[in-house]
Amino acid sequence: MALTQVKTAGIAADAVTGAKVADDQIDSEHYIAASIDNEHLANNAVDTDEIADDAVTLAKMDALARGKLIVGDSSGNPSALAAGSDNHVLTMDSNGDAGWEAPAASGATLSGSTNNEVVTVTGSNAMTGESGLTFDGTHLSITDGDLVIATAGHGIDFSANTQSAVSGVSMASELLDWYEEGTFTPTVLDWGSQTAGNSTDGSENGGKYTRIGNTVFINLVAHAVGNSSSYSNRAAFYIGGLPFTQDTSTFGTSFHIAMDGVTTDSGHGSVHAIQQSSSQQFRVMSSDYDAPLASFGPNLPNATFYVYATFHYRVA
């Protein structure tokens, strides 16, 4: 019988041995699906080229004790780092070796704090919550103390406010950078030399001021005694000693002034005051500038007088 006449039906089961199969004649097309098991895989036959990306799941990894970490060792191989002790931290040395260590003793310690307290440094590696200074996410509150502006020219910035939109208005500043209050000693100055022409009675002579930003508010009484002849029949005299120099560019000061012991000549109006720009004084005069203040004439040797004034002005 010719060999070409042998068909699969003529071959007995298990009749074809490995010796009858030529080398490299069976390829993947002749494998039955799932027919190759672990027993028929050669040792080390599967390498990374045969493993698809992301194909190895956690379930296929070797068991790892709780708390251990996989790290690279000095040989470049993966190794299991044992779990650390309580409150230890994972560190790495200059060689790249990982390990567990207790936290460094130099770390800052926070003590004595409650909700919303602002934390400040109280010493080397020490911090504390300030009970008198709190911030709730919206408002900063000072329970007992002052807000200190430590550098001149700084203050509270109100630039978040909507500026005036009126035509012709030009905003110059939205920074409140000055507050001051105190006392000063008014002086009475003569018309000509604008130097002291009178002594003042200290027990009844004085002034108080409050400065907010660039505006100064004044209350004063000047009690002049021992008048100088330089006041005789003059149209004005001056009150000096103001705490701040006035702005040269403004003349809008508002005065409320009263006097005791000084009158104007008949028919020449009342006594009033005006600002003296770029100075620390103001002028007291008749509303009729050419009219002298009458009681500065014949009664000079024995006269005394009082000036009471309330006003405000802008500083230079």
Protein backbone atom coordinates (compact mmCIF):
# COMPACT_ATOMS: atom_id res chain seq x y z
CA MET A 1 0.00 0.00 0.00
CA ALA A 2 1.43 3.34 -0.99
CA LEU A 3 2.20 5.71 1.91
CA THR A 4 0.05 8.40 0.38
CA GLN A 5 -2.94 6.18 1.07
CA VAL A 6 -2.55 6.25 4.90
CA LYS A 7 -5.18 8.44 6.53
CA THR A 8 -5.90 9.31 10.18
CA ALA A 9 -8.50 6.55 10.33
CA GLY A 10 -5.77 4.05 9.54
CA ILE A 11 -3.53 5.16 12.44
CA ALA A 12 -4.16 3.52 15.74
CA ALA A 13 -4.63 5.67 18.86
CA ASP A 14 -1.30 6.56 20.54
CA ALA A 15 0.50 5.04 17.57
CA VAL A 16 2.53 8.15 16.63
CA THR A 17 5.45 8.58 19.03
CA GLY A 18 7.67 11.59 19.47
CA ALA A 19 10.35 9.80 17.47
CA LYS A 20 8.01 9.84 14.45
CA VAL A 21 7.47 13.65 14.62
CA ALA A 22 10.08 15.70 12.81
CA ASP A 23 11.78 18.52 14.72
CA ASP A 24 10.07 21.97 14.68
CA GLN A 25 7.00 20.63 12.91
CA ILE A 26 4.36 21.41 15.58
CA ASP A 27 3.51 25.14 16.01
CA SER A 28 0.85 27.05 17.95
CA GLU A 29 -1.81 26.34 15.33
CA HIS A 30 -1.68 22.66 16.31
CA TYR A 31 -2.12 23.21 20.09
CA ILE A 32 -5.51 22.68 21.61
CA ALA A 33 -6.56 25.75 23.65
CA ALA A 34 -5.44 25.46 27.30
CA SER A 35 -3.61 22.22 26.47
CA ILE A 36 -0.20 23.34 27.83
CA ASP A 37 -0.02 23.17 31.64
CA ASN A 38 2.78 24.01 34.13
CA GLU A 39 4.15 20.47 33.82
CA HIS A 40 4.92 21.00 30.16
CA LEU A 41 6.65 24.42 30.59
CA ALA A 42 10.41 24.31 30.84
CA ASN A 43 12.01 26.01 33.83
CA ASN A 44 12.69 29.75 33.27
CA ALA A 45 10.95 29.49 29.90
CA VAL A 46 8.65 32.53 30.54
CA ASP A 47 10.45 35.92 30.66
CA THR A 48 9.21 39.52 30.70
CA ASP A 49 8.68 39.53 26.95
CA GLU A 50 5.95 36.92 27.38
CA ILE A 51 4.13 38.86 30.16
CA ALA A 52 1.74 41.58 29.02
CA ASP A 53 1.86 45.01 30.66
CA ASP A 54 -0.27 45.19 33.84
CA ALA A 55 -0.91 41.45 33.59
CA VAL A 56 0.39 40.55 37.07
CA THR A 57 -2.24 41.32 39.72
CA LEU A 58 -1.77 41.63 43.48
CA ALA A 59 -3.30 38.17 43.81
CA LYS A 60 -0.43 36.74 41.76
CA MET A 61 2.28 38.37 43.90
CA ASP A 62 4.00 36.51 46.69
CA ALA A 63 2.56 37.01 50.18
CA LEU A 64 3.95 40.00 52.11
CA ALA A 65 3.64 40.39 55.88
CA ARG A 66 1.54 43.22 57.20
CA GLY A 67 3.42 46.53 57.41
CA LYS A 68 6.33 45.50 55.19
CA LEU A 69 7.30 47.59 52.18
CA ILE A 70 8.96 46.56 48.93
CA VAL A 71 12.16 48.55 48.42
CA GLY A 72 15.20 48.22 46.24
CA ASP A 73 18.28 46.82 47.99
CA SER A 74 21.95 47.59 47.43
CA SER A 75 22.08 44.94 44.69
CA GLY A 76 19.23 46.53 42.79
CA ASN A 77 16.82 43.75 43.66
CA PRO A 78 13.44 44.13 45.34
CA SER A 79 13.40 43.31 49.02
CA ALA A 80 10.89 43.49 51.85
CA LEU A 81 11.52 46.21 54.45
CA ALA A 82 10.23 45.12 57.85
CA ALA A 83 7.54 47.18 59.57
CA GLY A 84 8.80 50.01 61.78
CA SER A 85 8.15 50.62 65.45
CA ASP A 86 5.34 52.82 66.80
CA ASN A 87 5.58 56.49 65.77
CA HIS A 88 8.73 55.92 63.72
CA VAL A 89 9.11 57.60 60.34
CA LEU A 90 10.43 56.28 57.03
CA THR A 91 13.78 57.84 56.16
CA MET A 92 16.44 57.39 53.50
CA ASP A 93 20.20 57.74 53.84
CA SER A 94 22.65 59.20 51.36
CA ASN A 95 23.04 55.80 49.67
CA GLY A 96 19.33 55.59 48.94
CA ASP A 97 18.70 52.87 51.53
CA ALA A 98 15.33 53.17 53.26
CA GLY A 99 14.77 52.56 56.96
CA TRP A 100 12.72 53.48 60.02
CA GLU A 101 13.81 56.08 62.60
CA ALA A 102 12.36 57.99 65.54
CA PRO A 103 11.38 61.60 64.66
CA ALA A 104 14.18 64.13 65.05
CA ALA A 105 14.24 65.71 68.50
CA SER A 106 14.68 69.22 66.98
CA GLY A 107 11.14 69.38 65.64
CA ALA A 108 9.03 72.31 66.90
CA THR A 109 6.50 71.51 69.62
CA LEU A 110 3.08 73.19 69.75
CA SER A 111 1.59 73.62 73.20
CA GLY A 112 -1.26 75.44 74.94
CA SER A 113 -3.43 76.02 71.88
CA THR A 114 -7.19 75.88 71.30
CA ASN A 115 -9.42 76.39 68.27
CA ASN A 116 -8.75 79.51 66.13
CA GLU A 117 -5.77 80.73 68.18
CA VAL A 118 -2.96 82.25 66.13
CA VAL A 119 0.30 80.35 66.66
CA THR A 120 3.52 82.25 67.45
CA VAL A 121 7.10 81.13 68.03
CA THR A 122 8.04 81.37 71.70
CA GLY A 123 11.60 80.07 71.57
CA SER A 124 13.88 77.53 69.95
CA ASN A 125 11.69 74.78 68.49
CA ALA A 126 8.68 75.93 70.52
CA MET A 127 5.31 77.36 69.49
CA THR A 128 2.15 78.30 71.35
CA GLY A 129 -1.38 79.44 70.59
CA GLU A 130 -2.07 83.04 71.55
CA SER A 131 -5.27 83.17 73.61
CA GLY A 132 -5.66 86.91 72.95
CA LEU A 133 -5.29 86.64 69.16
CA THR A 134 -7.76 84.53 67.21
CA PHE A 135 -8.75 84.09 63.57
CA ASP A 136 -11.99 82.32 62.64
CA GLY A 137 -11.36 82.30 58.91
CA THR A 138 -13.07 85.67 58.44
CA HIS A 139 -12.22 87.96 61.37
CA LEU A 140 -8.95 88.54 63.21
CA SER A 141 -9.74 89.40 66.85
CA ILE A 142 -7.49 90.93 69.52
CA THR A 143 -8.98 90.06 72.90
CA ASP A 144 -6.79 92.32 75.04
CA GLY A 145 -4.06 94.48 73.52
CA ASP A 146 -3.27 96.92 70.70
CA LEU A 147 -2.60 96.64 66.99
CA VAL A 148 0.85 98.22 66.61
CA ILE A 149 1.95 99.69 63.26
CA ALA A 150 5.71 99.29 63.66
CA THR A 151 6.86 101.31 60.61
CA ALA A 152 5.94 104.92 59.84
CA GLY A 153 3.94 105.42 56.65
CA HIS A 154 2.01 102.17 57.05
CA GLY A 155 -1.46 101.68 58.48
CA ILE A 156 -4.86 100.27 57.55
CA ASP A 157 -5.51 99.95 53.82
CA PHE A 158 -9.08 100.65 52.71
CA SER A 159 -8.45 100.10 48.99
CA ALA A 160 -11.17 97.41 48.92
CA ASN A 161 -13.72 100.23 49.19
CA THR A 162 -15.38 101.53 46.03
CA GLN A 163 -13.81 104.85 45.08
CA SER A 164 -15.91 107.92 44.40
CA ALA A 165 -17.18 107.96 40.82
CA VAL A 166 -18.24 111.63 40.91
CA SER A 167 -16.85 113.63 37.99
CA GLY A 168 -13.88 115.78 39.00
CA VAL A 169 -13.00 113.68 42.07
CA SER A 170 -9.46 112.31 42.21
CA MET A 171 -8.64 109.78 44.93
CA ALA A 172 -5.20 110.37 46.48
CA SER A 173 -4.94 107.70 49.17
CA GLU A 174 -6.94 104.98 50.91
CA LEU A 175 -4.38 104.33 53.64
CA LEU A 176 -5.12 105.43 57.21
CA ASP A 177 -1.54 105.87 58.41
CA TRP A 178 -1.68 108.20 61.44
CA TYR A 179 -3.46 108.56 64.76
CA GLU A 180 -2.19 110.77 67.58
CA GLU A 181 -3.64 112.75 70.46
CA GLY A 182 -2.06 115.01 73.06
CA THR A 183 -1.70 118.50 74.49
CA PHE A 184 0.18 121.66 73.47
CA THR A 185 0.81 125.19 74.77
CA PRO A 186 -0.69 128.04 72.68
CA THR A 187 1.34 131.25 72.36
CA VAL A 188 0.12 134.80 71.64
CA LEU A 189 2.16 136.50 68.88
CA ASP A 190 2.18 140.12 67.84
CA TRP A 191 1.22 141.47 64.44
CA GLY A 192 4.52 142.78 63.20
CA SER A 193 7.29 140.33 64.05
CA GLN A 194 4.98 137.42 64.85
CA THR A 195 6.99 136.78 67.99
CA ALA A 196 5.72 136.46 71.53
CA GLY A 197 4.27 139.81 72.56
CA ASN A 198 2.44 138.52 75.61
CA SER A 199 3.14 136.16 78.42
CA THR A 200 0.47 133.55 79.08
CA ASP A 201 -1.10 132.34 82.28
CA GLY A 202 -0.21 128.64 82.43
CA SER A 203 -3.05 127.76 84.77
CA GLU A 204 -5.61 128.97 82.23
CA ASN A 205 -3.71 128.42 78.99
CA GLY A 206 -3.57 125.17 77.04
CA GLY A 207 -4.70 123.14 74.08
CA LYS A 208 -5.63 119.59 73.13
CA TYR A 209 -5.32 117.99 69.71
CA THR A 210 -6.27 114.78 67.91
CA ARG A 211 -4.71 113.89 64.56
CA ILE A 212 -6.45 111.35 62.29
CA GLY A 213 -4.63 110.77 59.03
CA ASN A 214 -3.68 114.22 57.70
CA THR A 215 -6.34 116.19 59.63
CA VAL A 216 -5.76 117.76 63.07
CA PHE A 217 -8.63 118.70 65.40
CA ILE A 218 -7.89 121.50 67.93
CA ASN A 219 -9.48 122.78 71.14
CA LEU A 220 -7.64 125.59 72.95
CA VAL A 221 -7.82 128.52 75.34
CA ALA A 222 -5.11 131.19 75.25
CA HIS A 223 -5.00 133.51 78.28
CA ALA A 224 -2.77 136.48 77.48
CA VAL A 225 -1.44 138.73 80.25
CA GLY A 226 0.98 141.66 80.27
CA ASN A 227 0.21 142.93 76.76
CA SER A 228 2.95 144.40 74.64
CA SER A 229 2.58 147.82 73.03
CA SER A 230 3.21 146.13 69.68
CA TYR A 231 -0.51 145.24 69.66
CA SER A 232 -1.68 148.85 69.86
CA ASN A 233 -4.27 149.63 67.19
CA ARG A 234 -3.26 146.62 65.10
CA ALA A 235 -5.66 144.87 62.77
CA ALA A 236 -4.75 141.38 63.96
CA PHE A 237 -2.61 139.19 66.16
CA TYR A 238 -1.63 135.50 66.03
CA ILE A 239 -2.06 132.33 68.09
CA GLY A 240 0.91 129.99 67.65
CA GLY A 241 2.24 126.74 69.01
CA LEU A 242 0.02 124.42 66.93
CA PRO A 243 1.30 120.83 67.05
CA PHE A 244 1.71 120.36 63.26
CA THR A 245 2.58 122.63 60.34
CA GLN A 246 -0.42 123.46 58.19
CA ASP A 247 -0.69 122.43 54.54
CA THR A 248 0.33 125.29 52.22
CA SER A 249 -2.19 124.26 49.59
CA THR A 250 -5.35 124.43 51.73
CA PHE A 251 -7.22 127.40 53.18
CA GLY A 252 -10.48 125.70 54.09
CA THR A 253 -9.98 125.56 57.84
CA SER A 254 -13.20 125.91 59.83
CA PHE A 255 -12.89 128.00 63.04
CA HIS A 256 -15.24 128.50 65.93
CA ILE A 257 -13.67 131.32 67.98
CA ALA A 258 -14.74 133.41 70.95
CA MET A 259 -12.84 136.12 72.83
CA ASP A 260 -13.08 137.82 76.19
CA GLY A 261 -11.42 141.21 76.63
CA VAL A 262 -11.06 142.13 72.93
CA THR A 263 -13.58 144.07 70.82
CA THR A 264 -13.46 145.79 67.46
CA ASP A 265 -14.08 149.44 66.79
CA SER A 266 -17.73 150.34 66.38
CA GLY A 267 -19.16 149.35 62.99
CA HIS A 268 -16.28 147.09 61.96
CA GLY A 269 -17.83 143.66 62.37
CA SER A 270 -16.92 140.71 64.56
CA VAL A 271 -13.69 138.95 65.49
CA HIS A 272 -12.78 135.84 63.52
CA ALA A 273 -9.73 133.74 62.60
CA ILE A 274 -8.07 132.47 59.43
CA GLN A 275 -5.48 129.83 58.73
CA GLN A 276 -1.85 130.75 58.09
CA SER A 277 -0.52 128.33 55.46
CA SER A 278 2.83 126.60 55.95
CA SER A 279 3.00 127.59 59.62
CA GLN A 280 1.98 126.50 63.10
CA GLN A 281 -0.24 129.48 63.87
CA PHE A 282 -3.49 131.20 62.91
CA ARG A 283 -4.48 134.87 62.65
CA VAL A 284 -7.15 136.53 64.82
CA MET A 285 -8.62 139.60 63.14
CA SER A 286 -11.68 141.71 62.56
CA SER A 287 -14.06 140.70 59.80
CA ASP A 288 -13.17 144.17 58.43
CA TYR A 289 -9.46 143.60 57.92
CA ASP A 290 -8.61 147.33 58.11
CA ALA A 291 -10.29 147.84 61.50
CA PRO A 292 -8.04 147.60 64.58
CA LEU A 293 -8.98 145.49 67.56
CA ALA A 294 -10.08 148.37 69.80
CA SER A 295 -9.15 147.15 73.27
CA PHE A 296 -5.57 146.70 72.13
CA GLY A 297 -5.33 150.47 72.22
CA PRO A 298 -5.84 152.56 75.33
CA ASN A 299 -6.21 149.66 77.78
CA LEU A 300 -2.90 147.95 76.89
CA PRO A 301 -1.01 148.53 80.15
CA ASN A 302 -3.55 146.67 82.27
CA ALA A 303 -5.53 144.53 79.82
CA THR A 304 -5.68 140.76 79.74
CA PHE A 305 -7.76 138.71 77.34
CA TYR A 306 -8.83 135.17 76.48
CA VAL A 307 -9.09 133.42 73.12
CA TYR A 308 -11.21 130.26 72.87
CA ALA A 309 -11.01 128.29 69.63
CA THR A 310 -12.19 125.01 68.17
CA PHE A 311 -11.11 124.14 64.63
CA HIS A 312 -9.41 121.61 62.38
CA TYR A 313 -6.80 121.85 59.64
CA ARG A 314 -4.82 119.67 57.23
CA VAL A 315 -1.15 119.06 57.89
CA ALA A 316 1.67 119.58 55.44
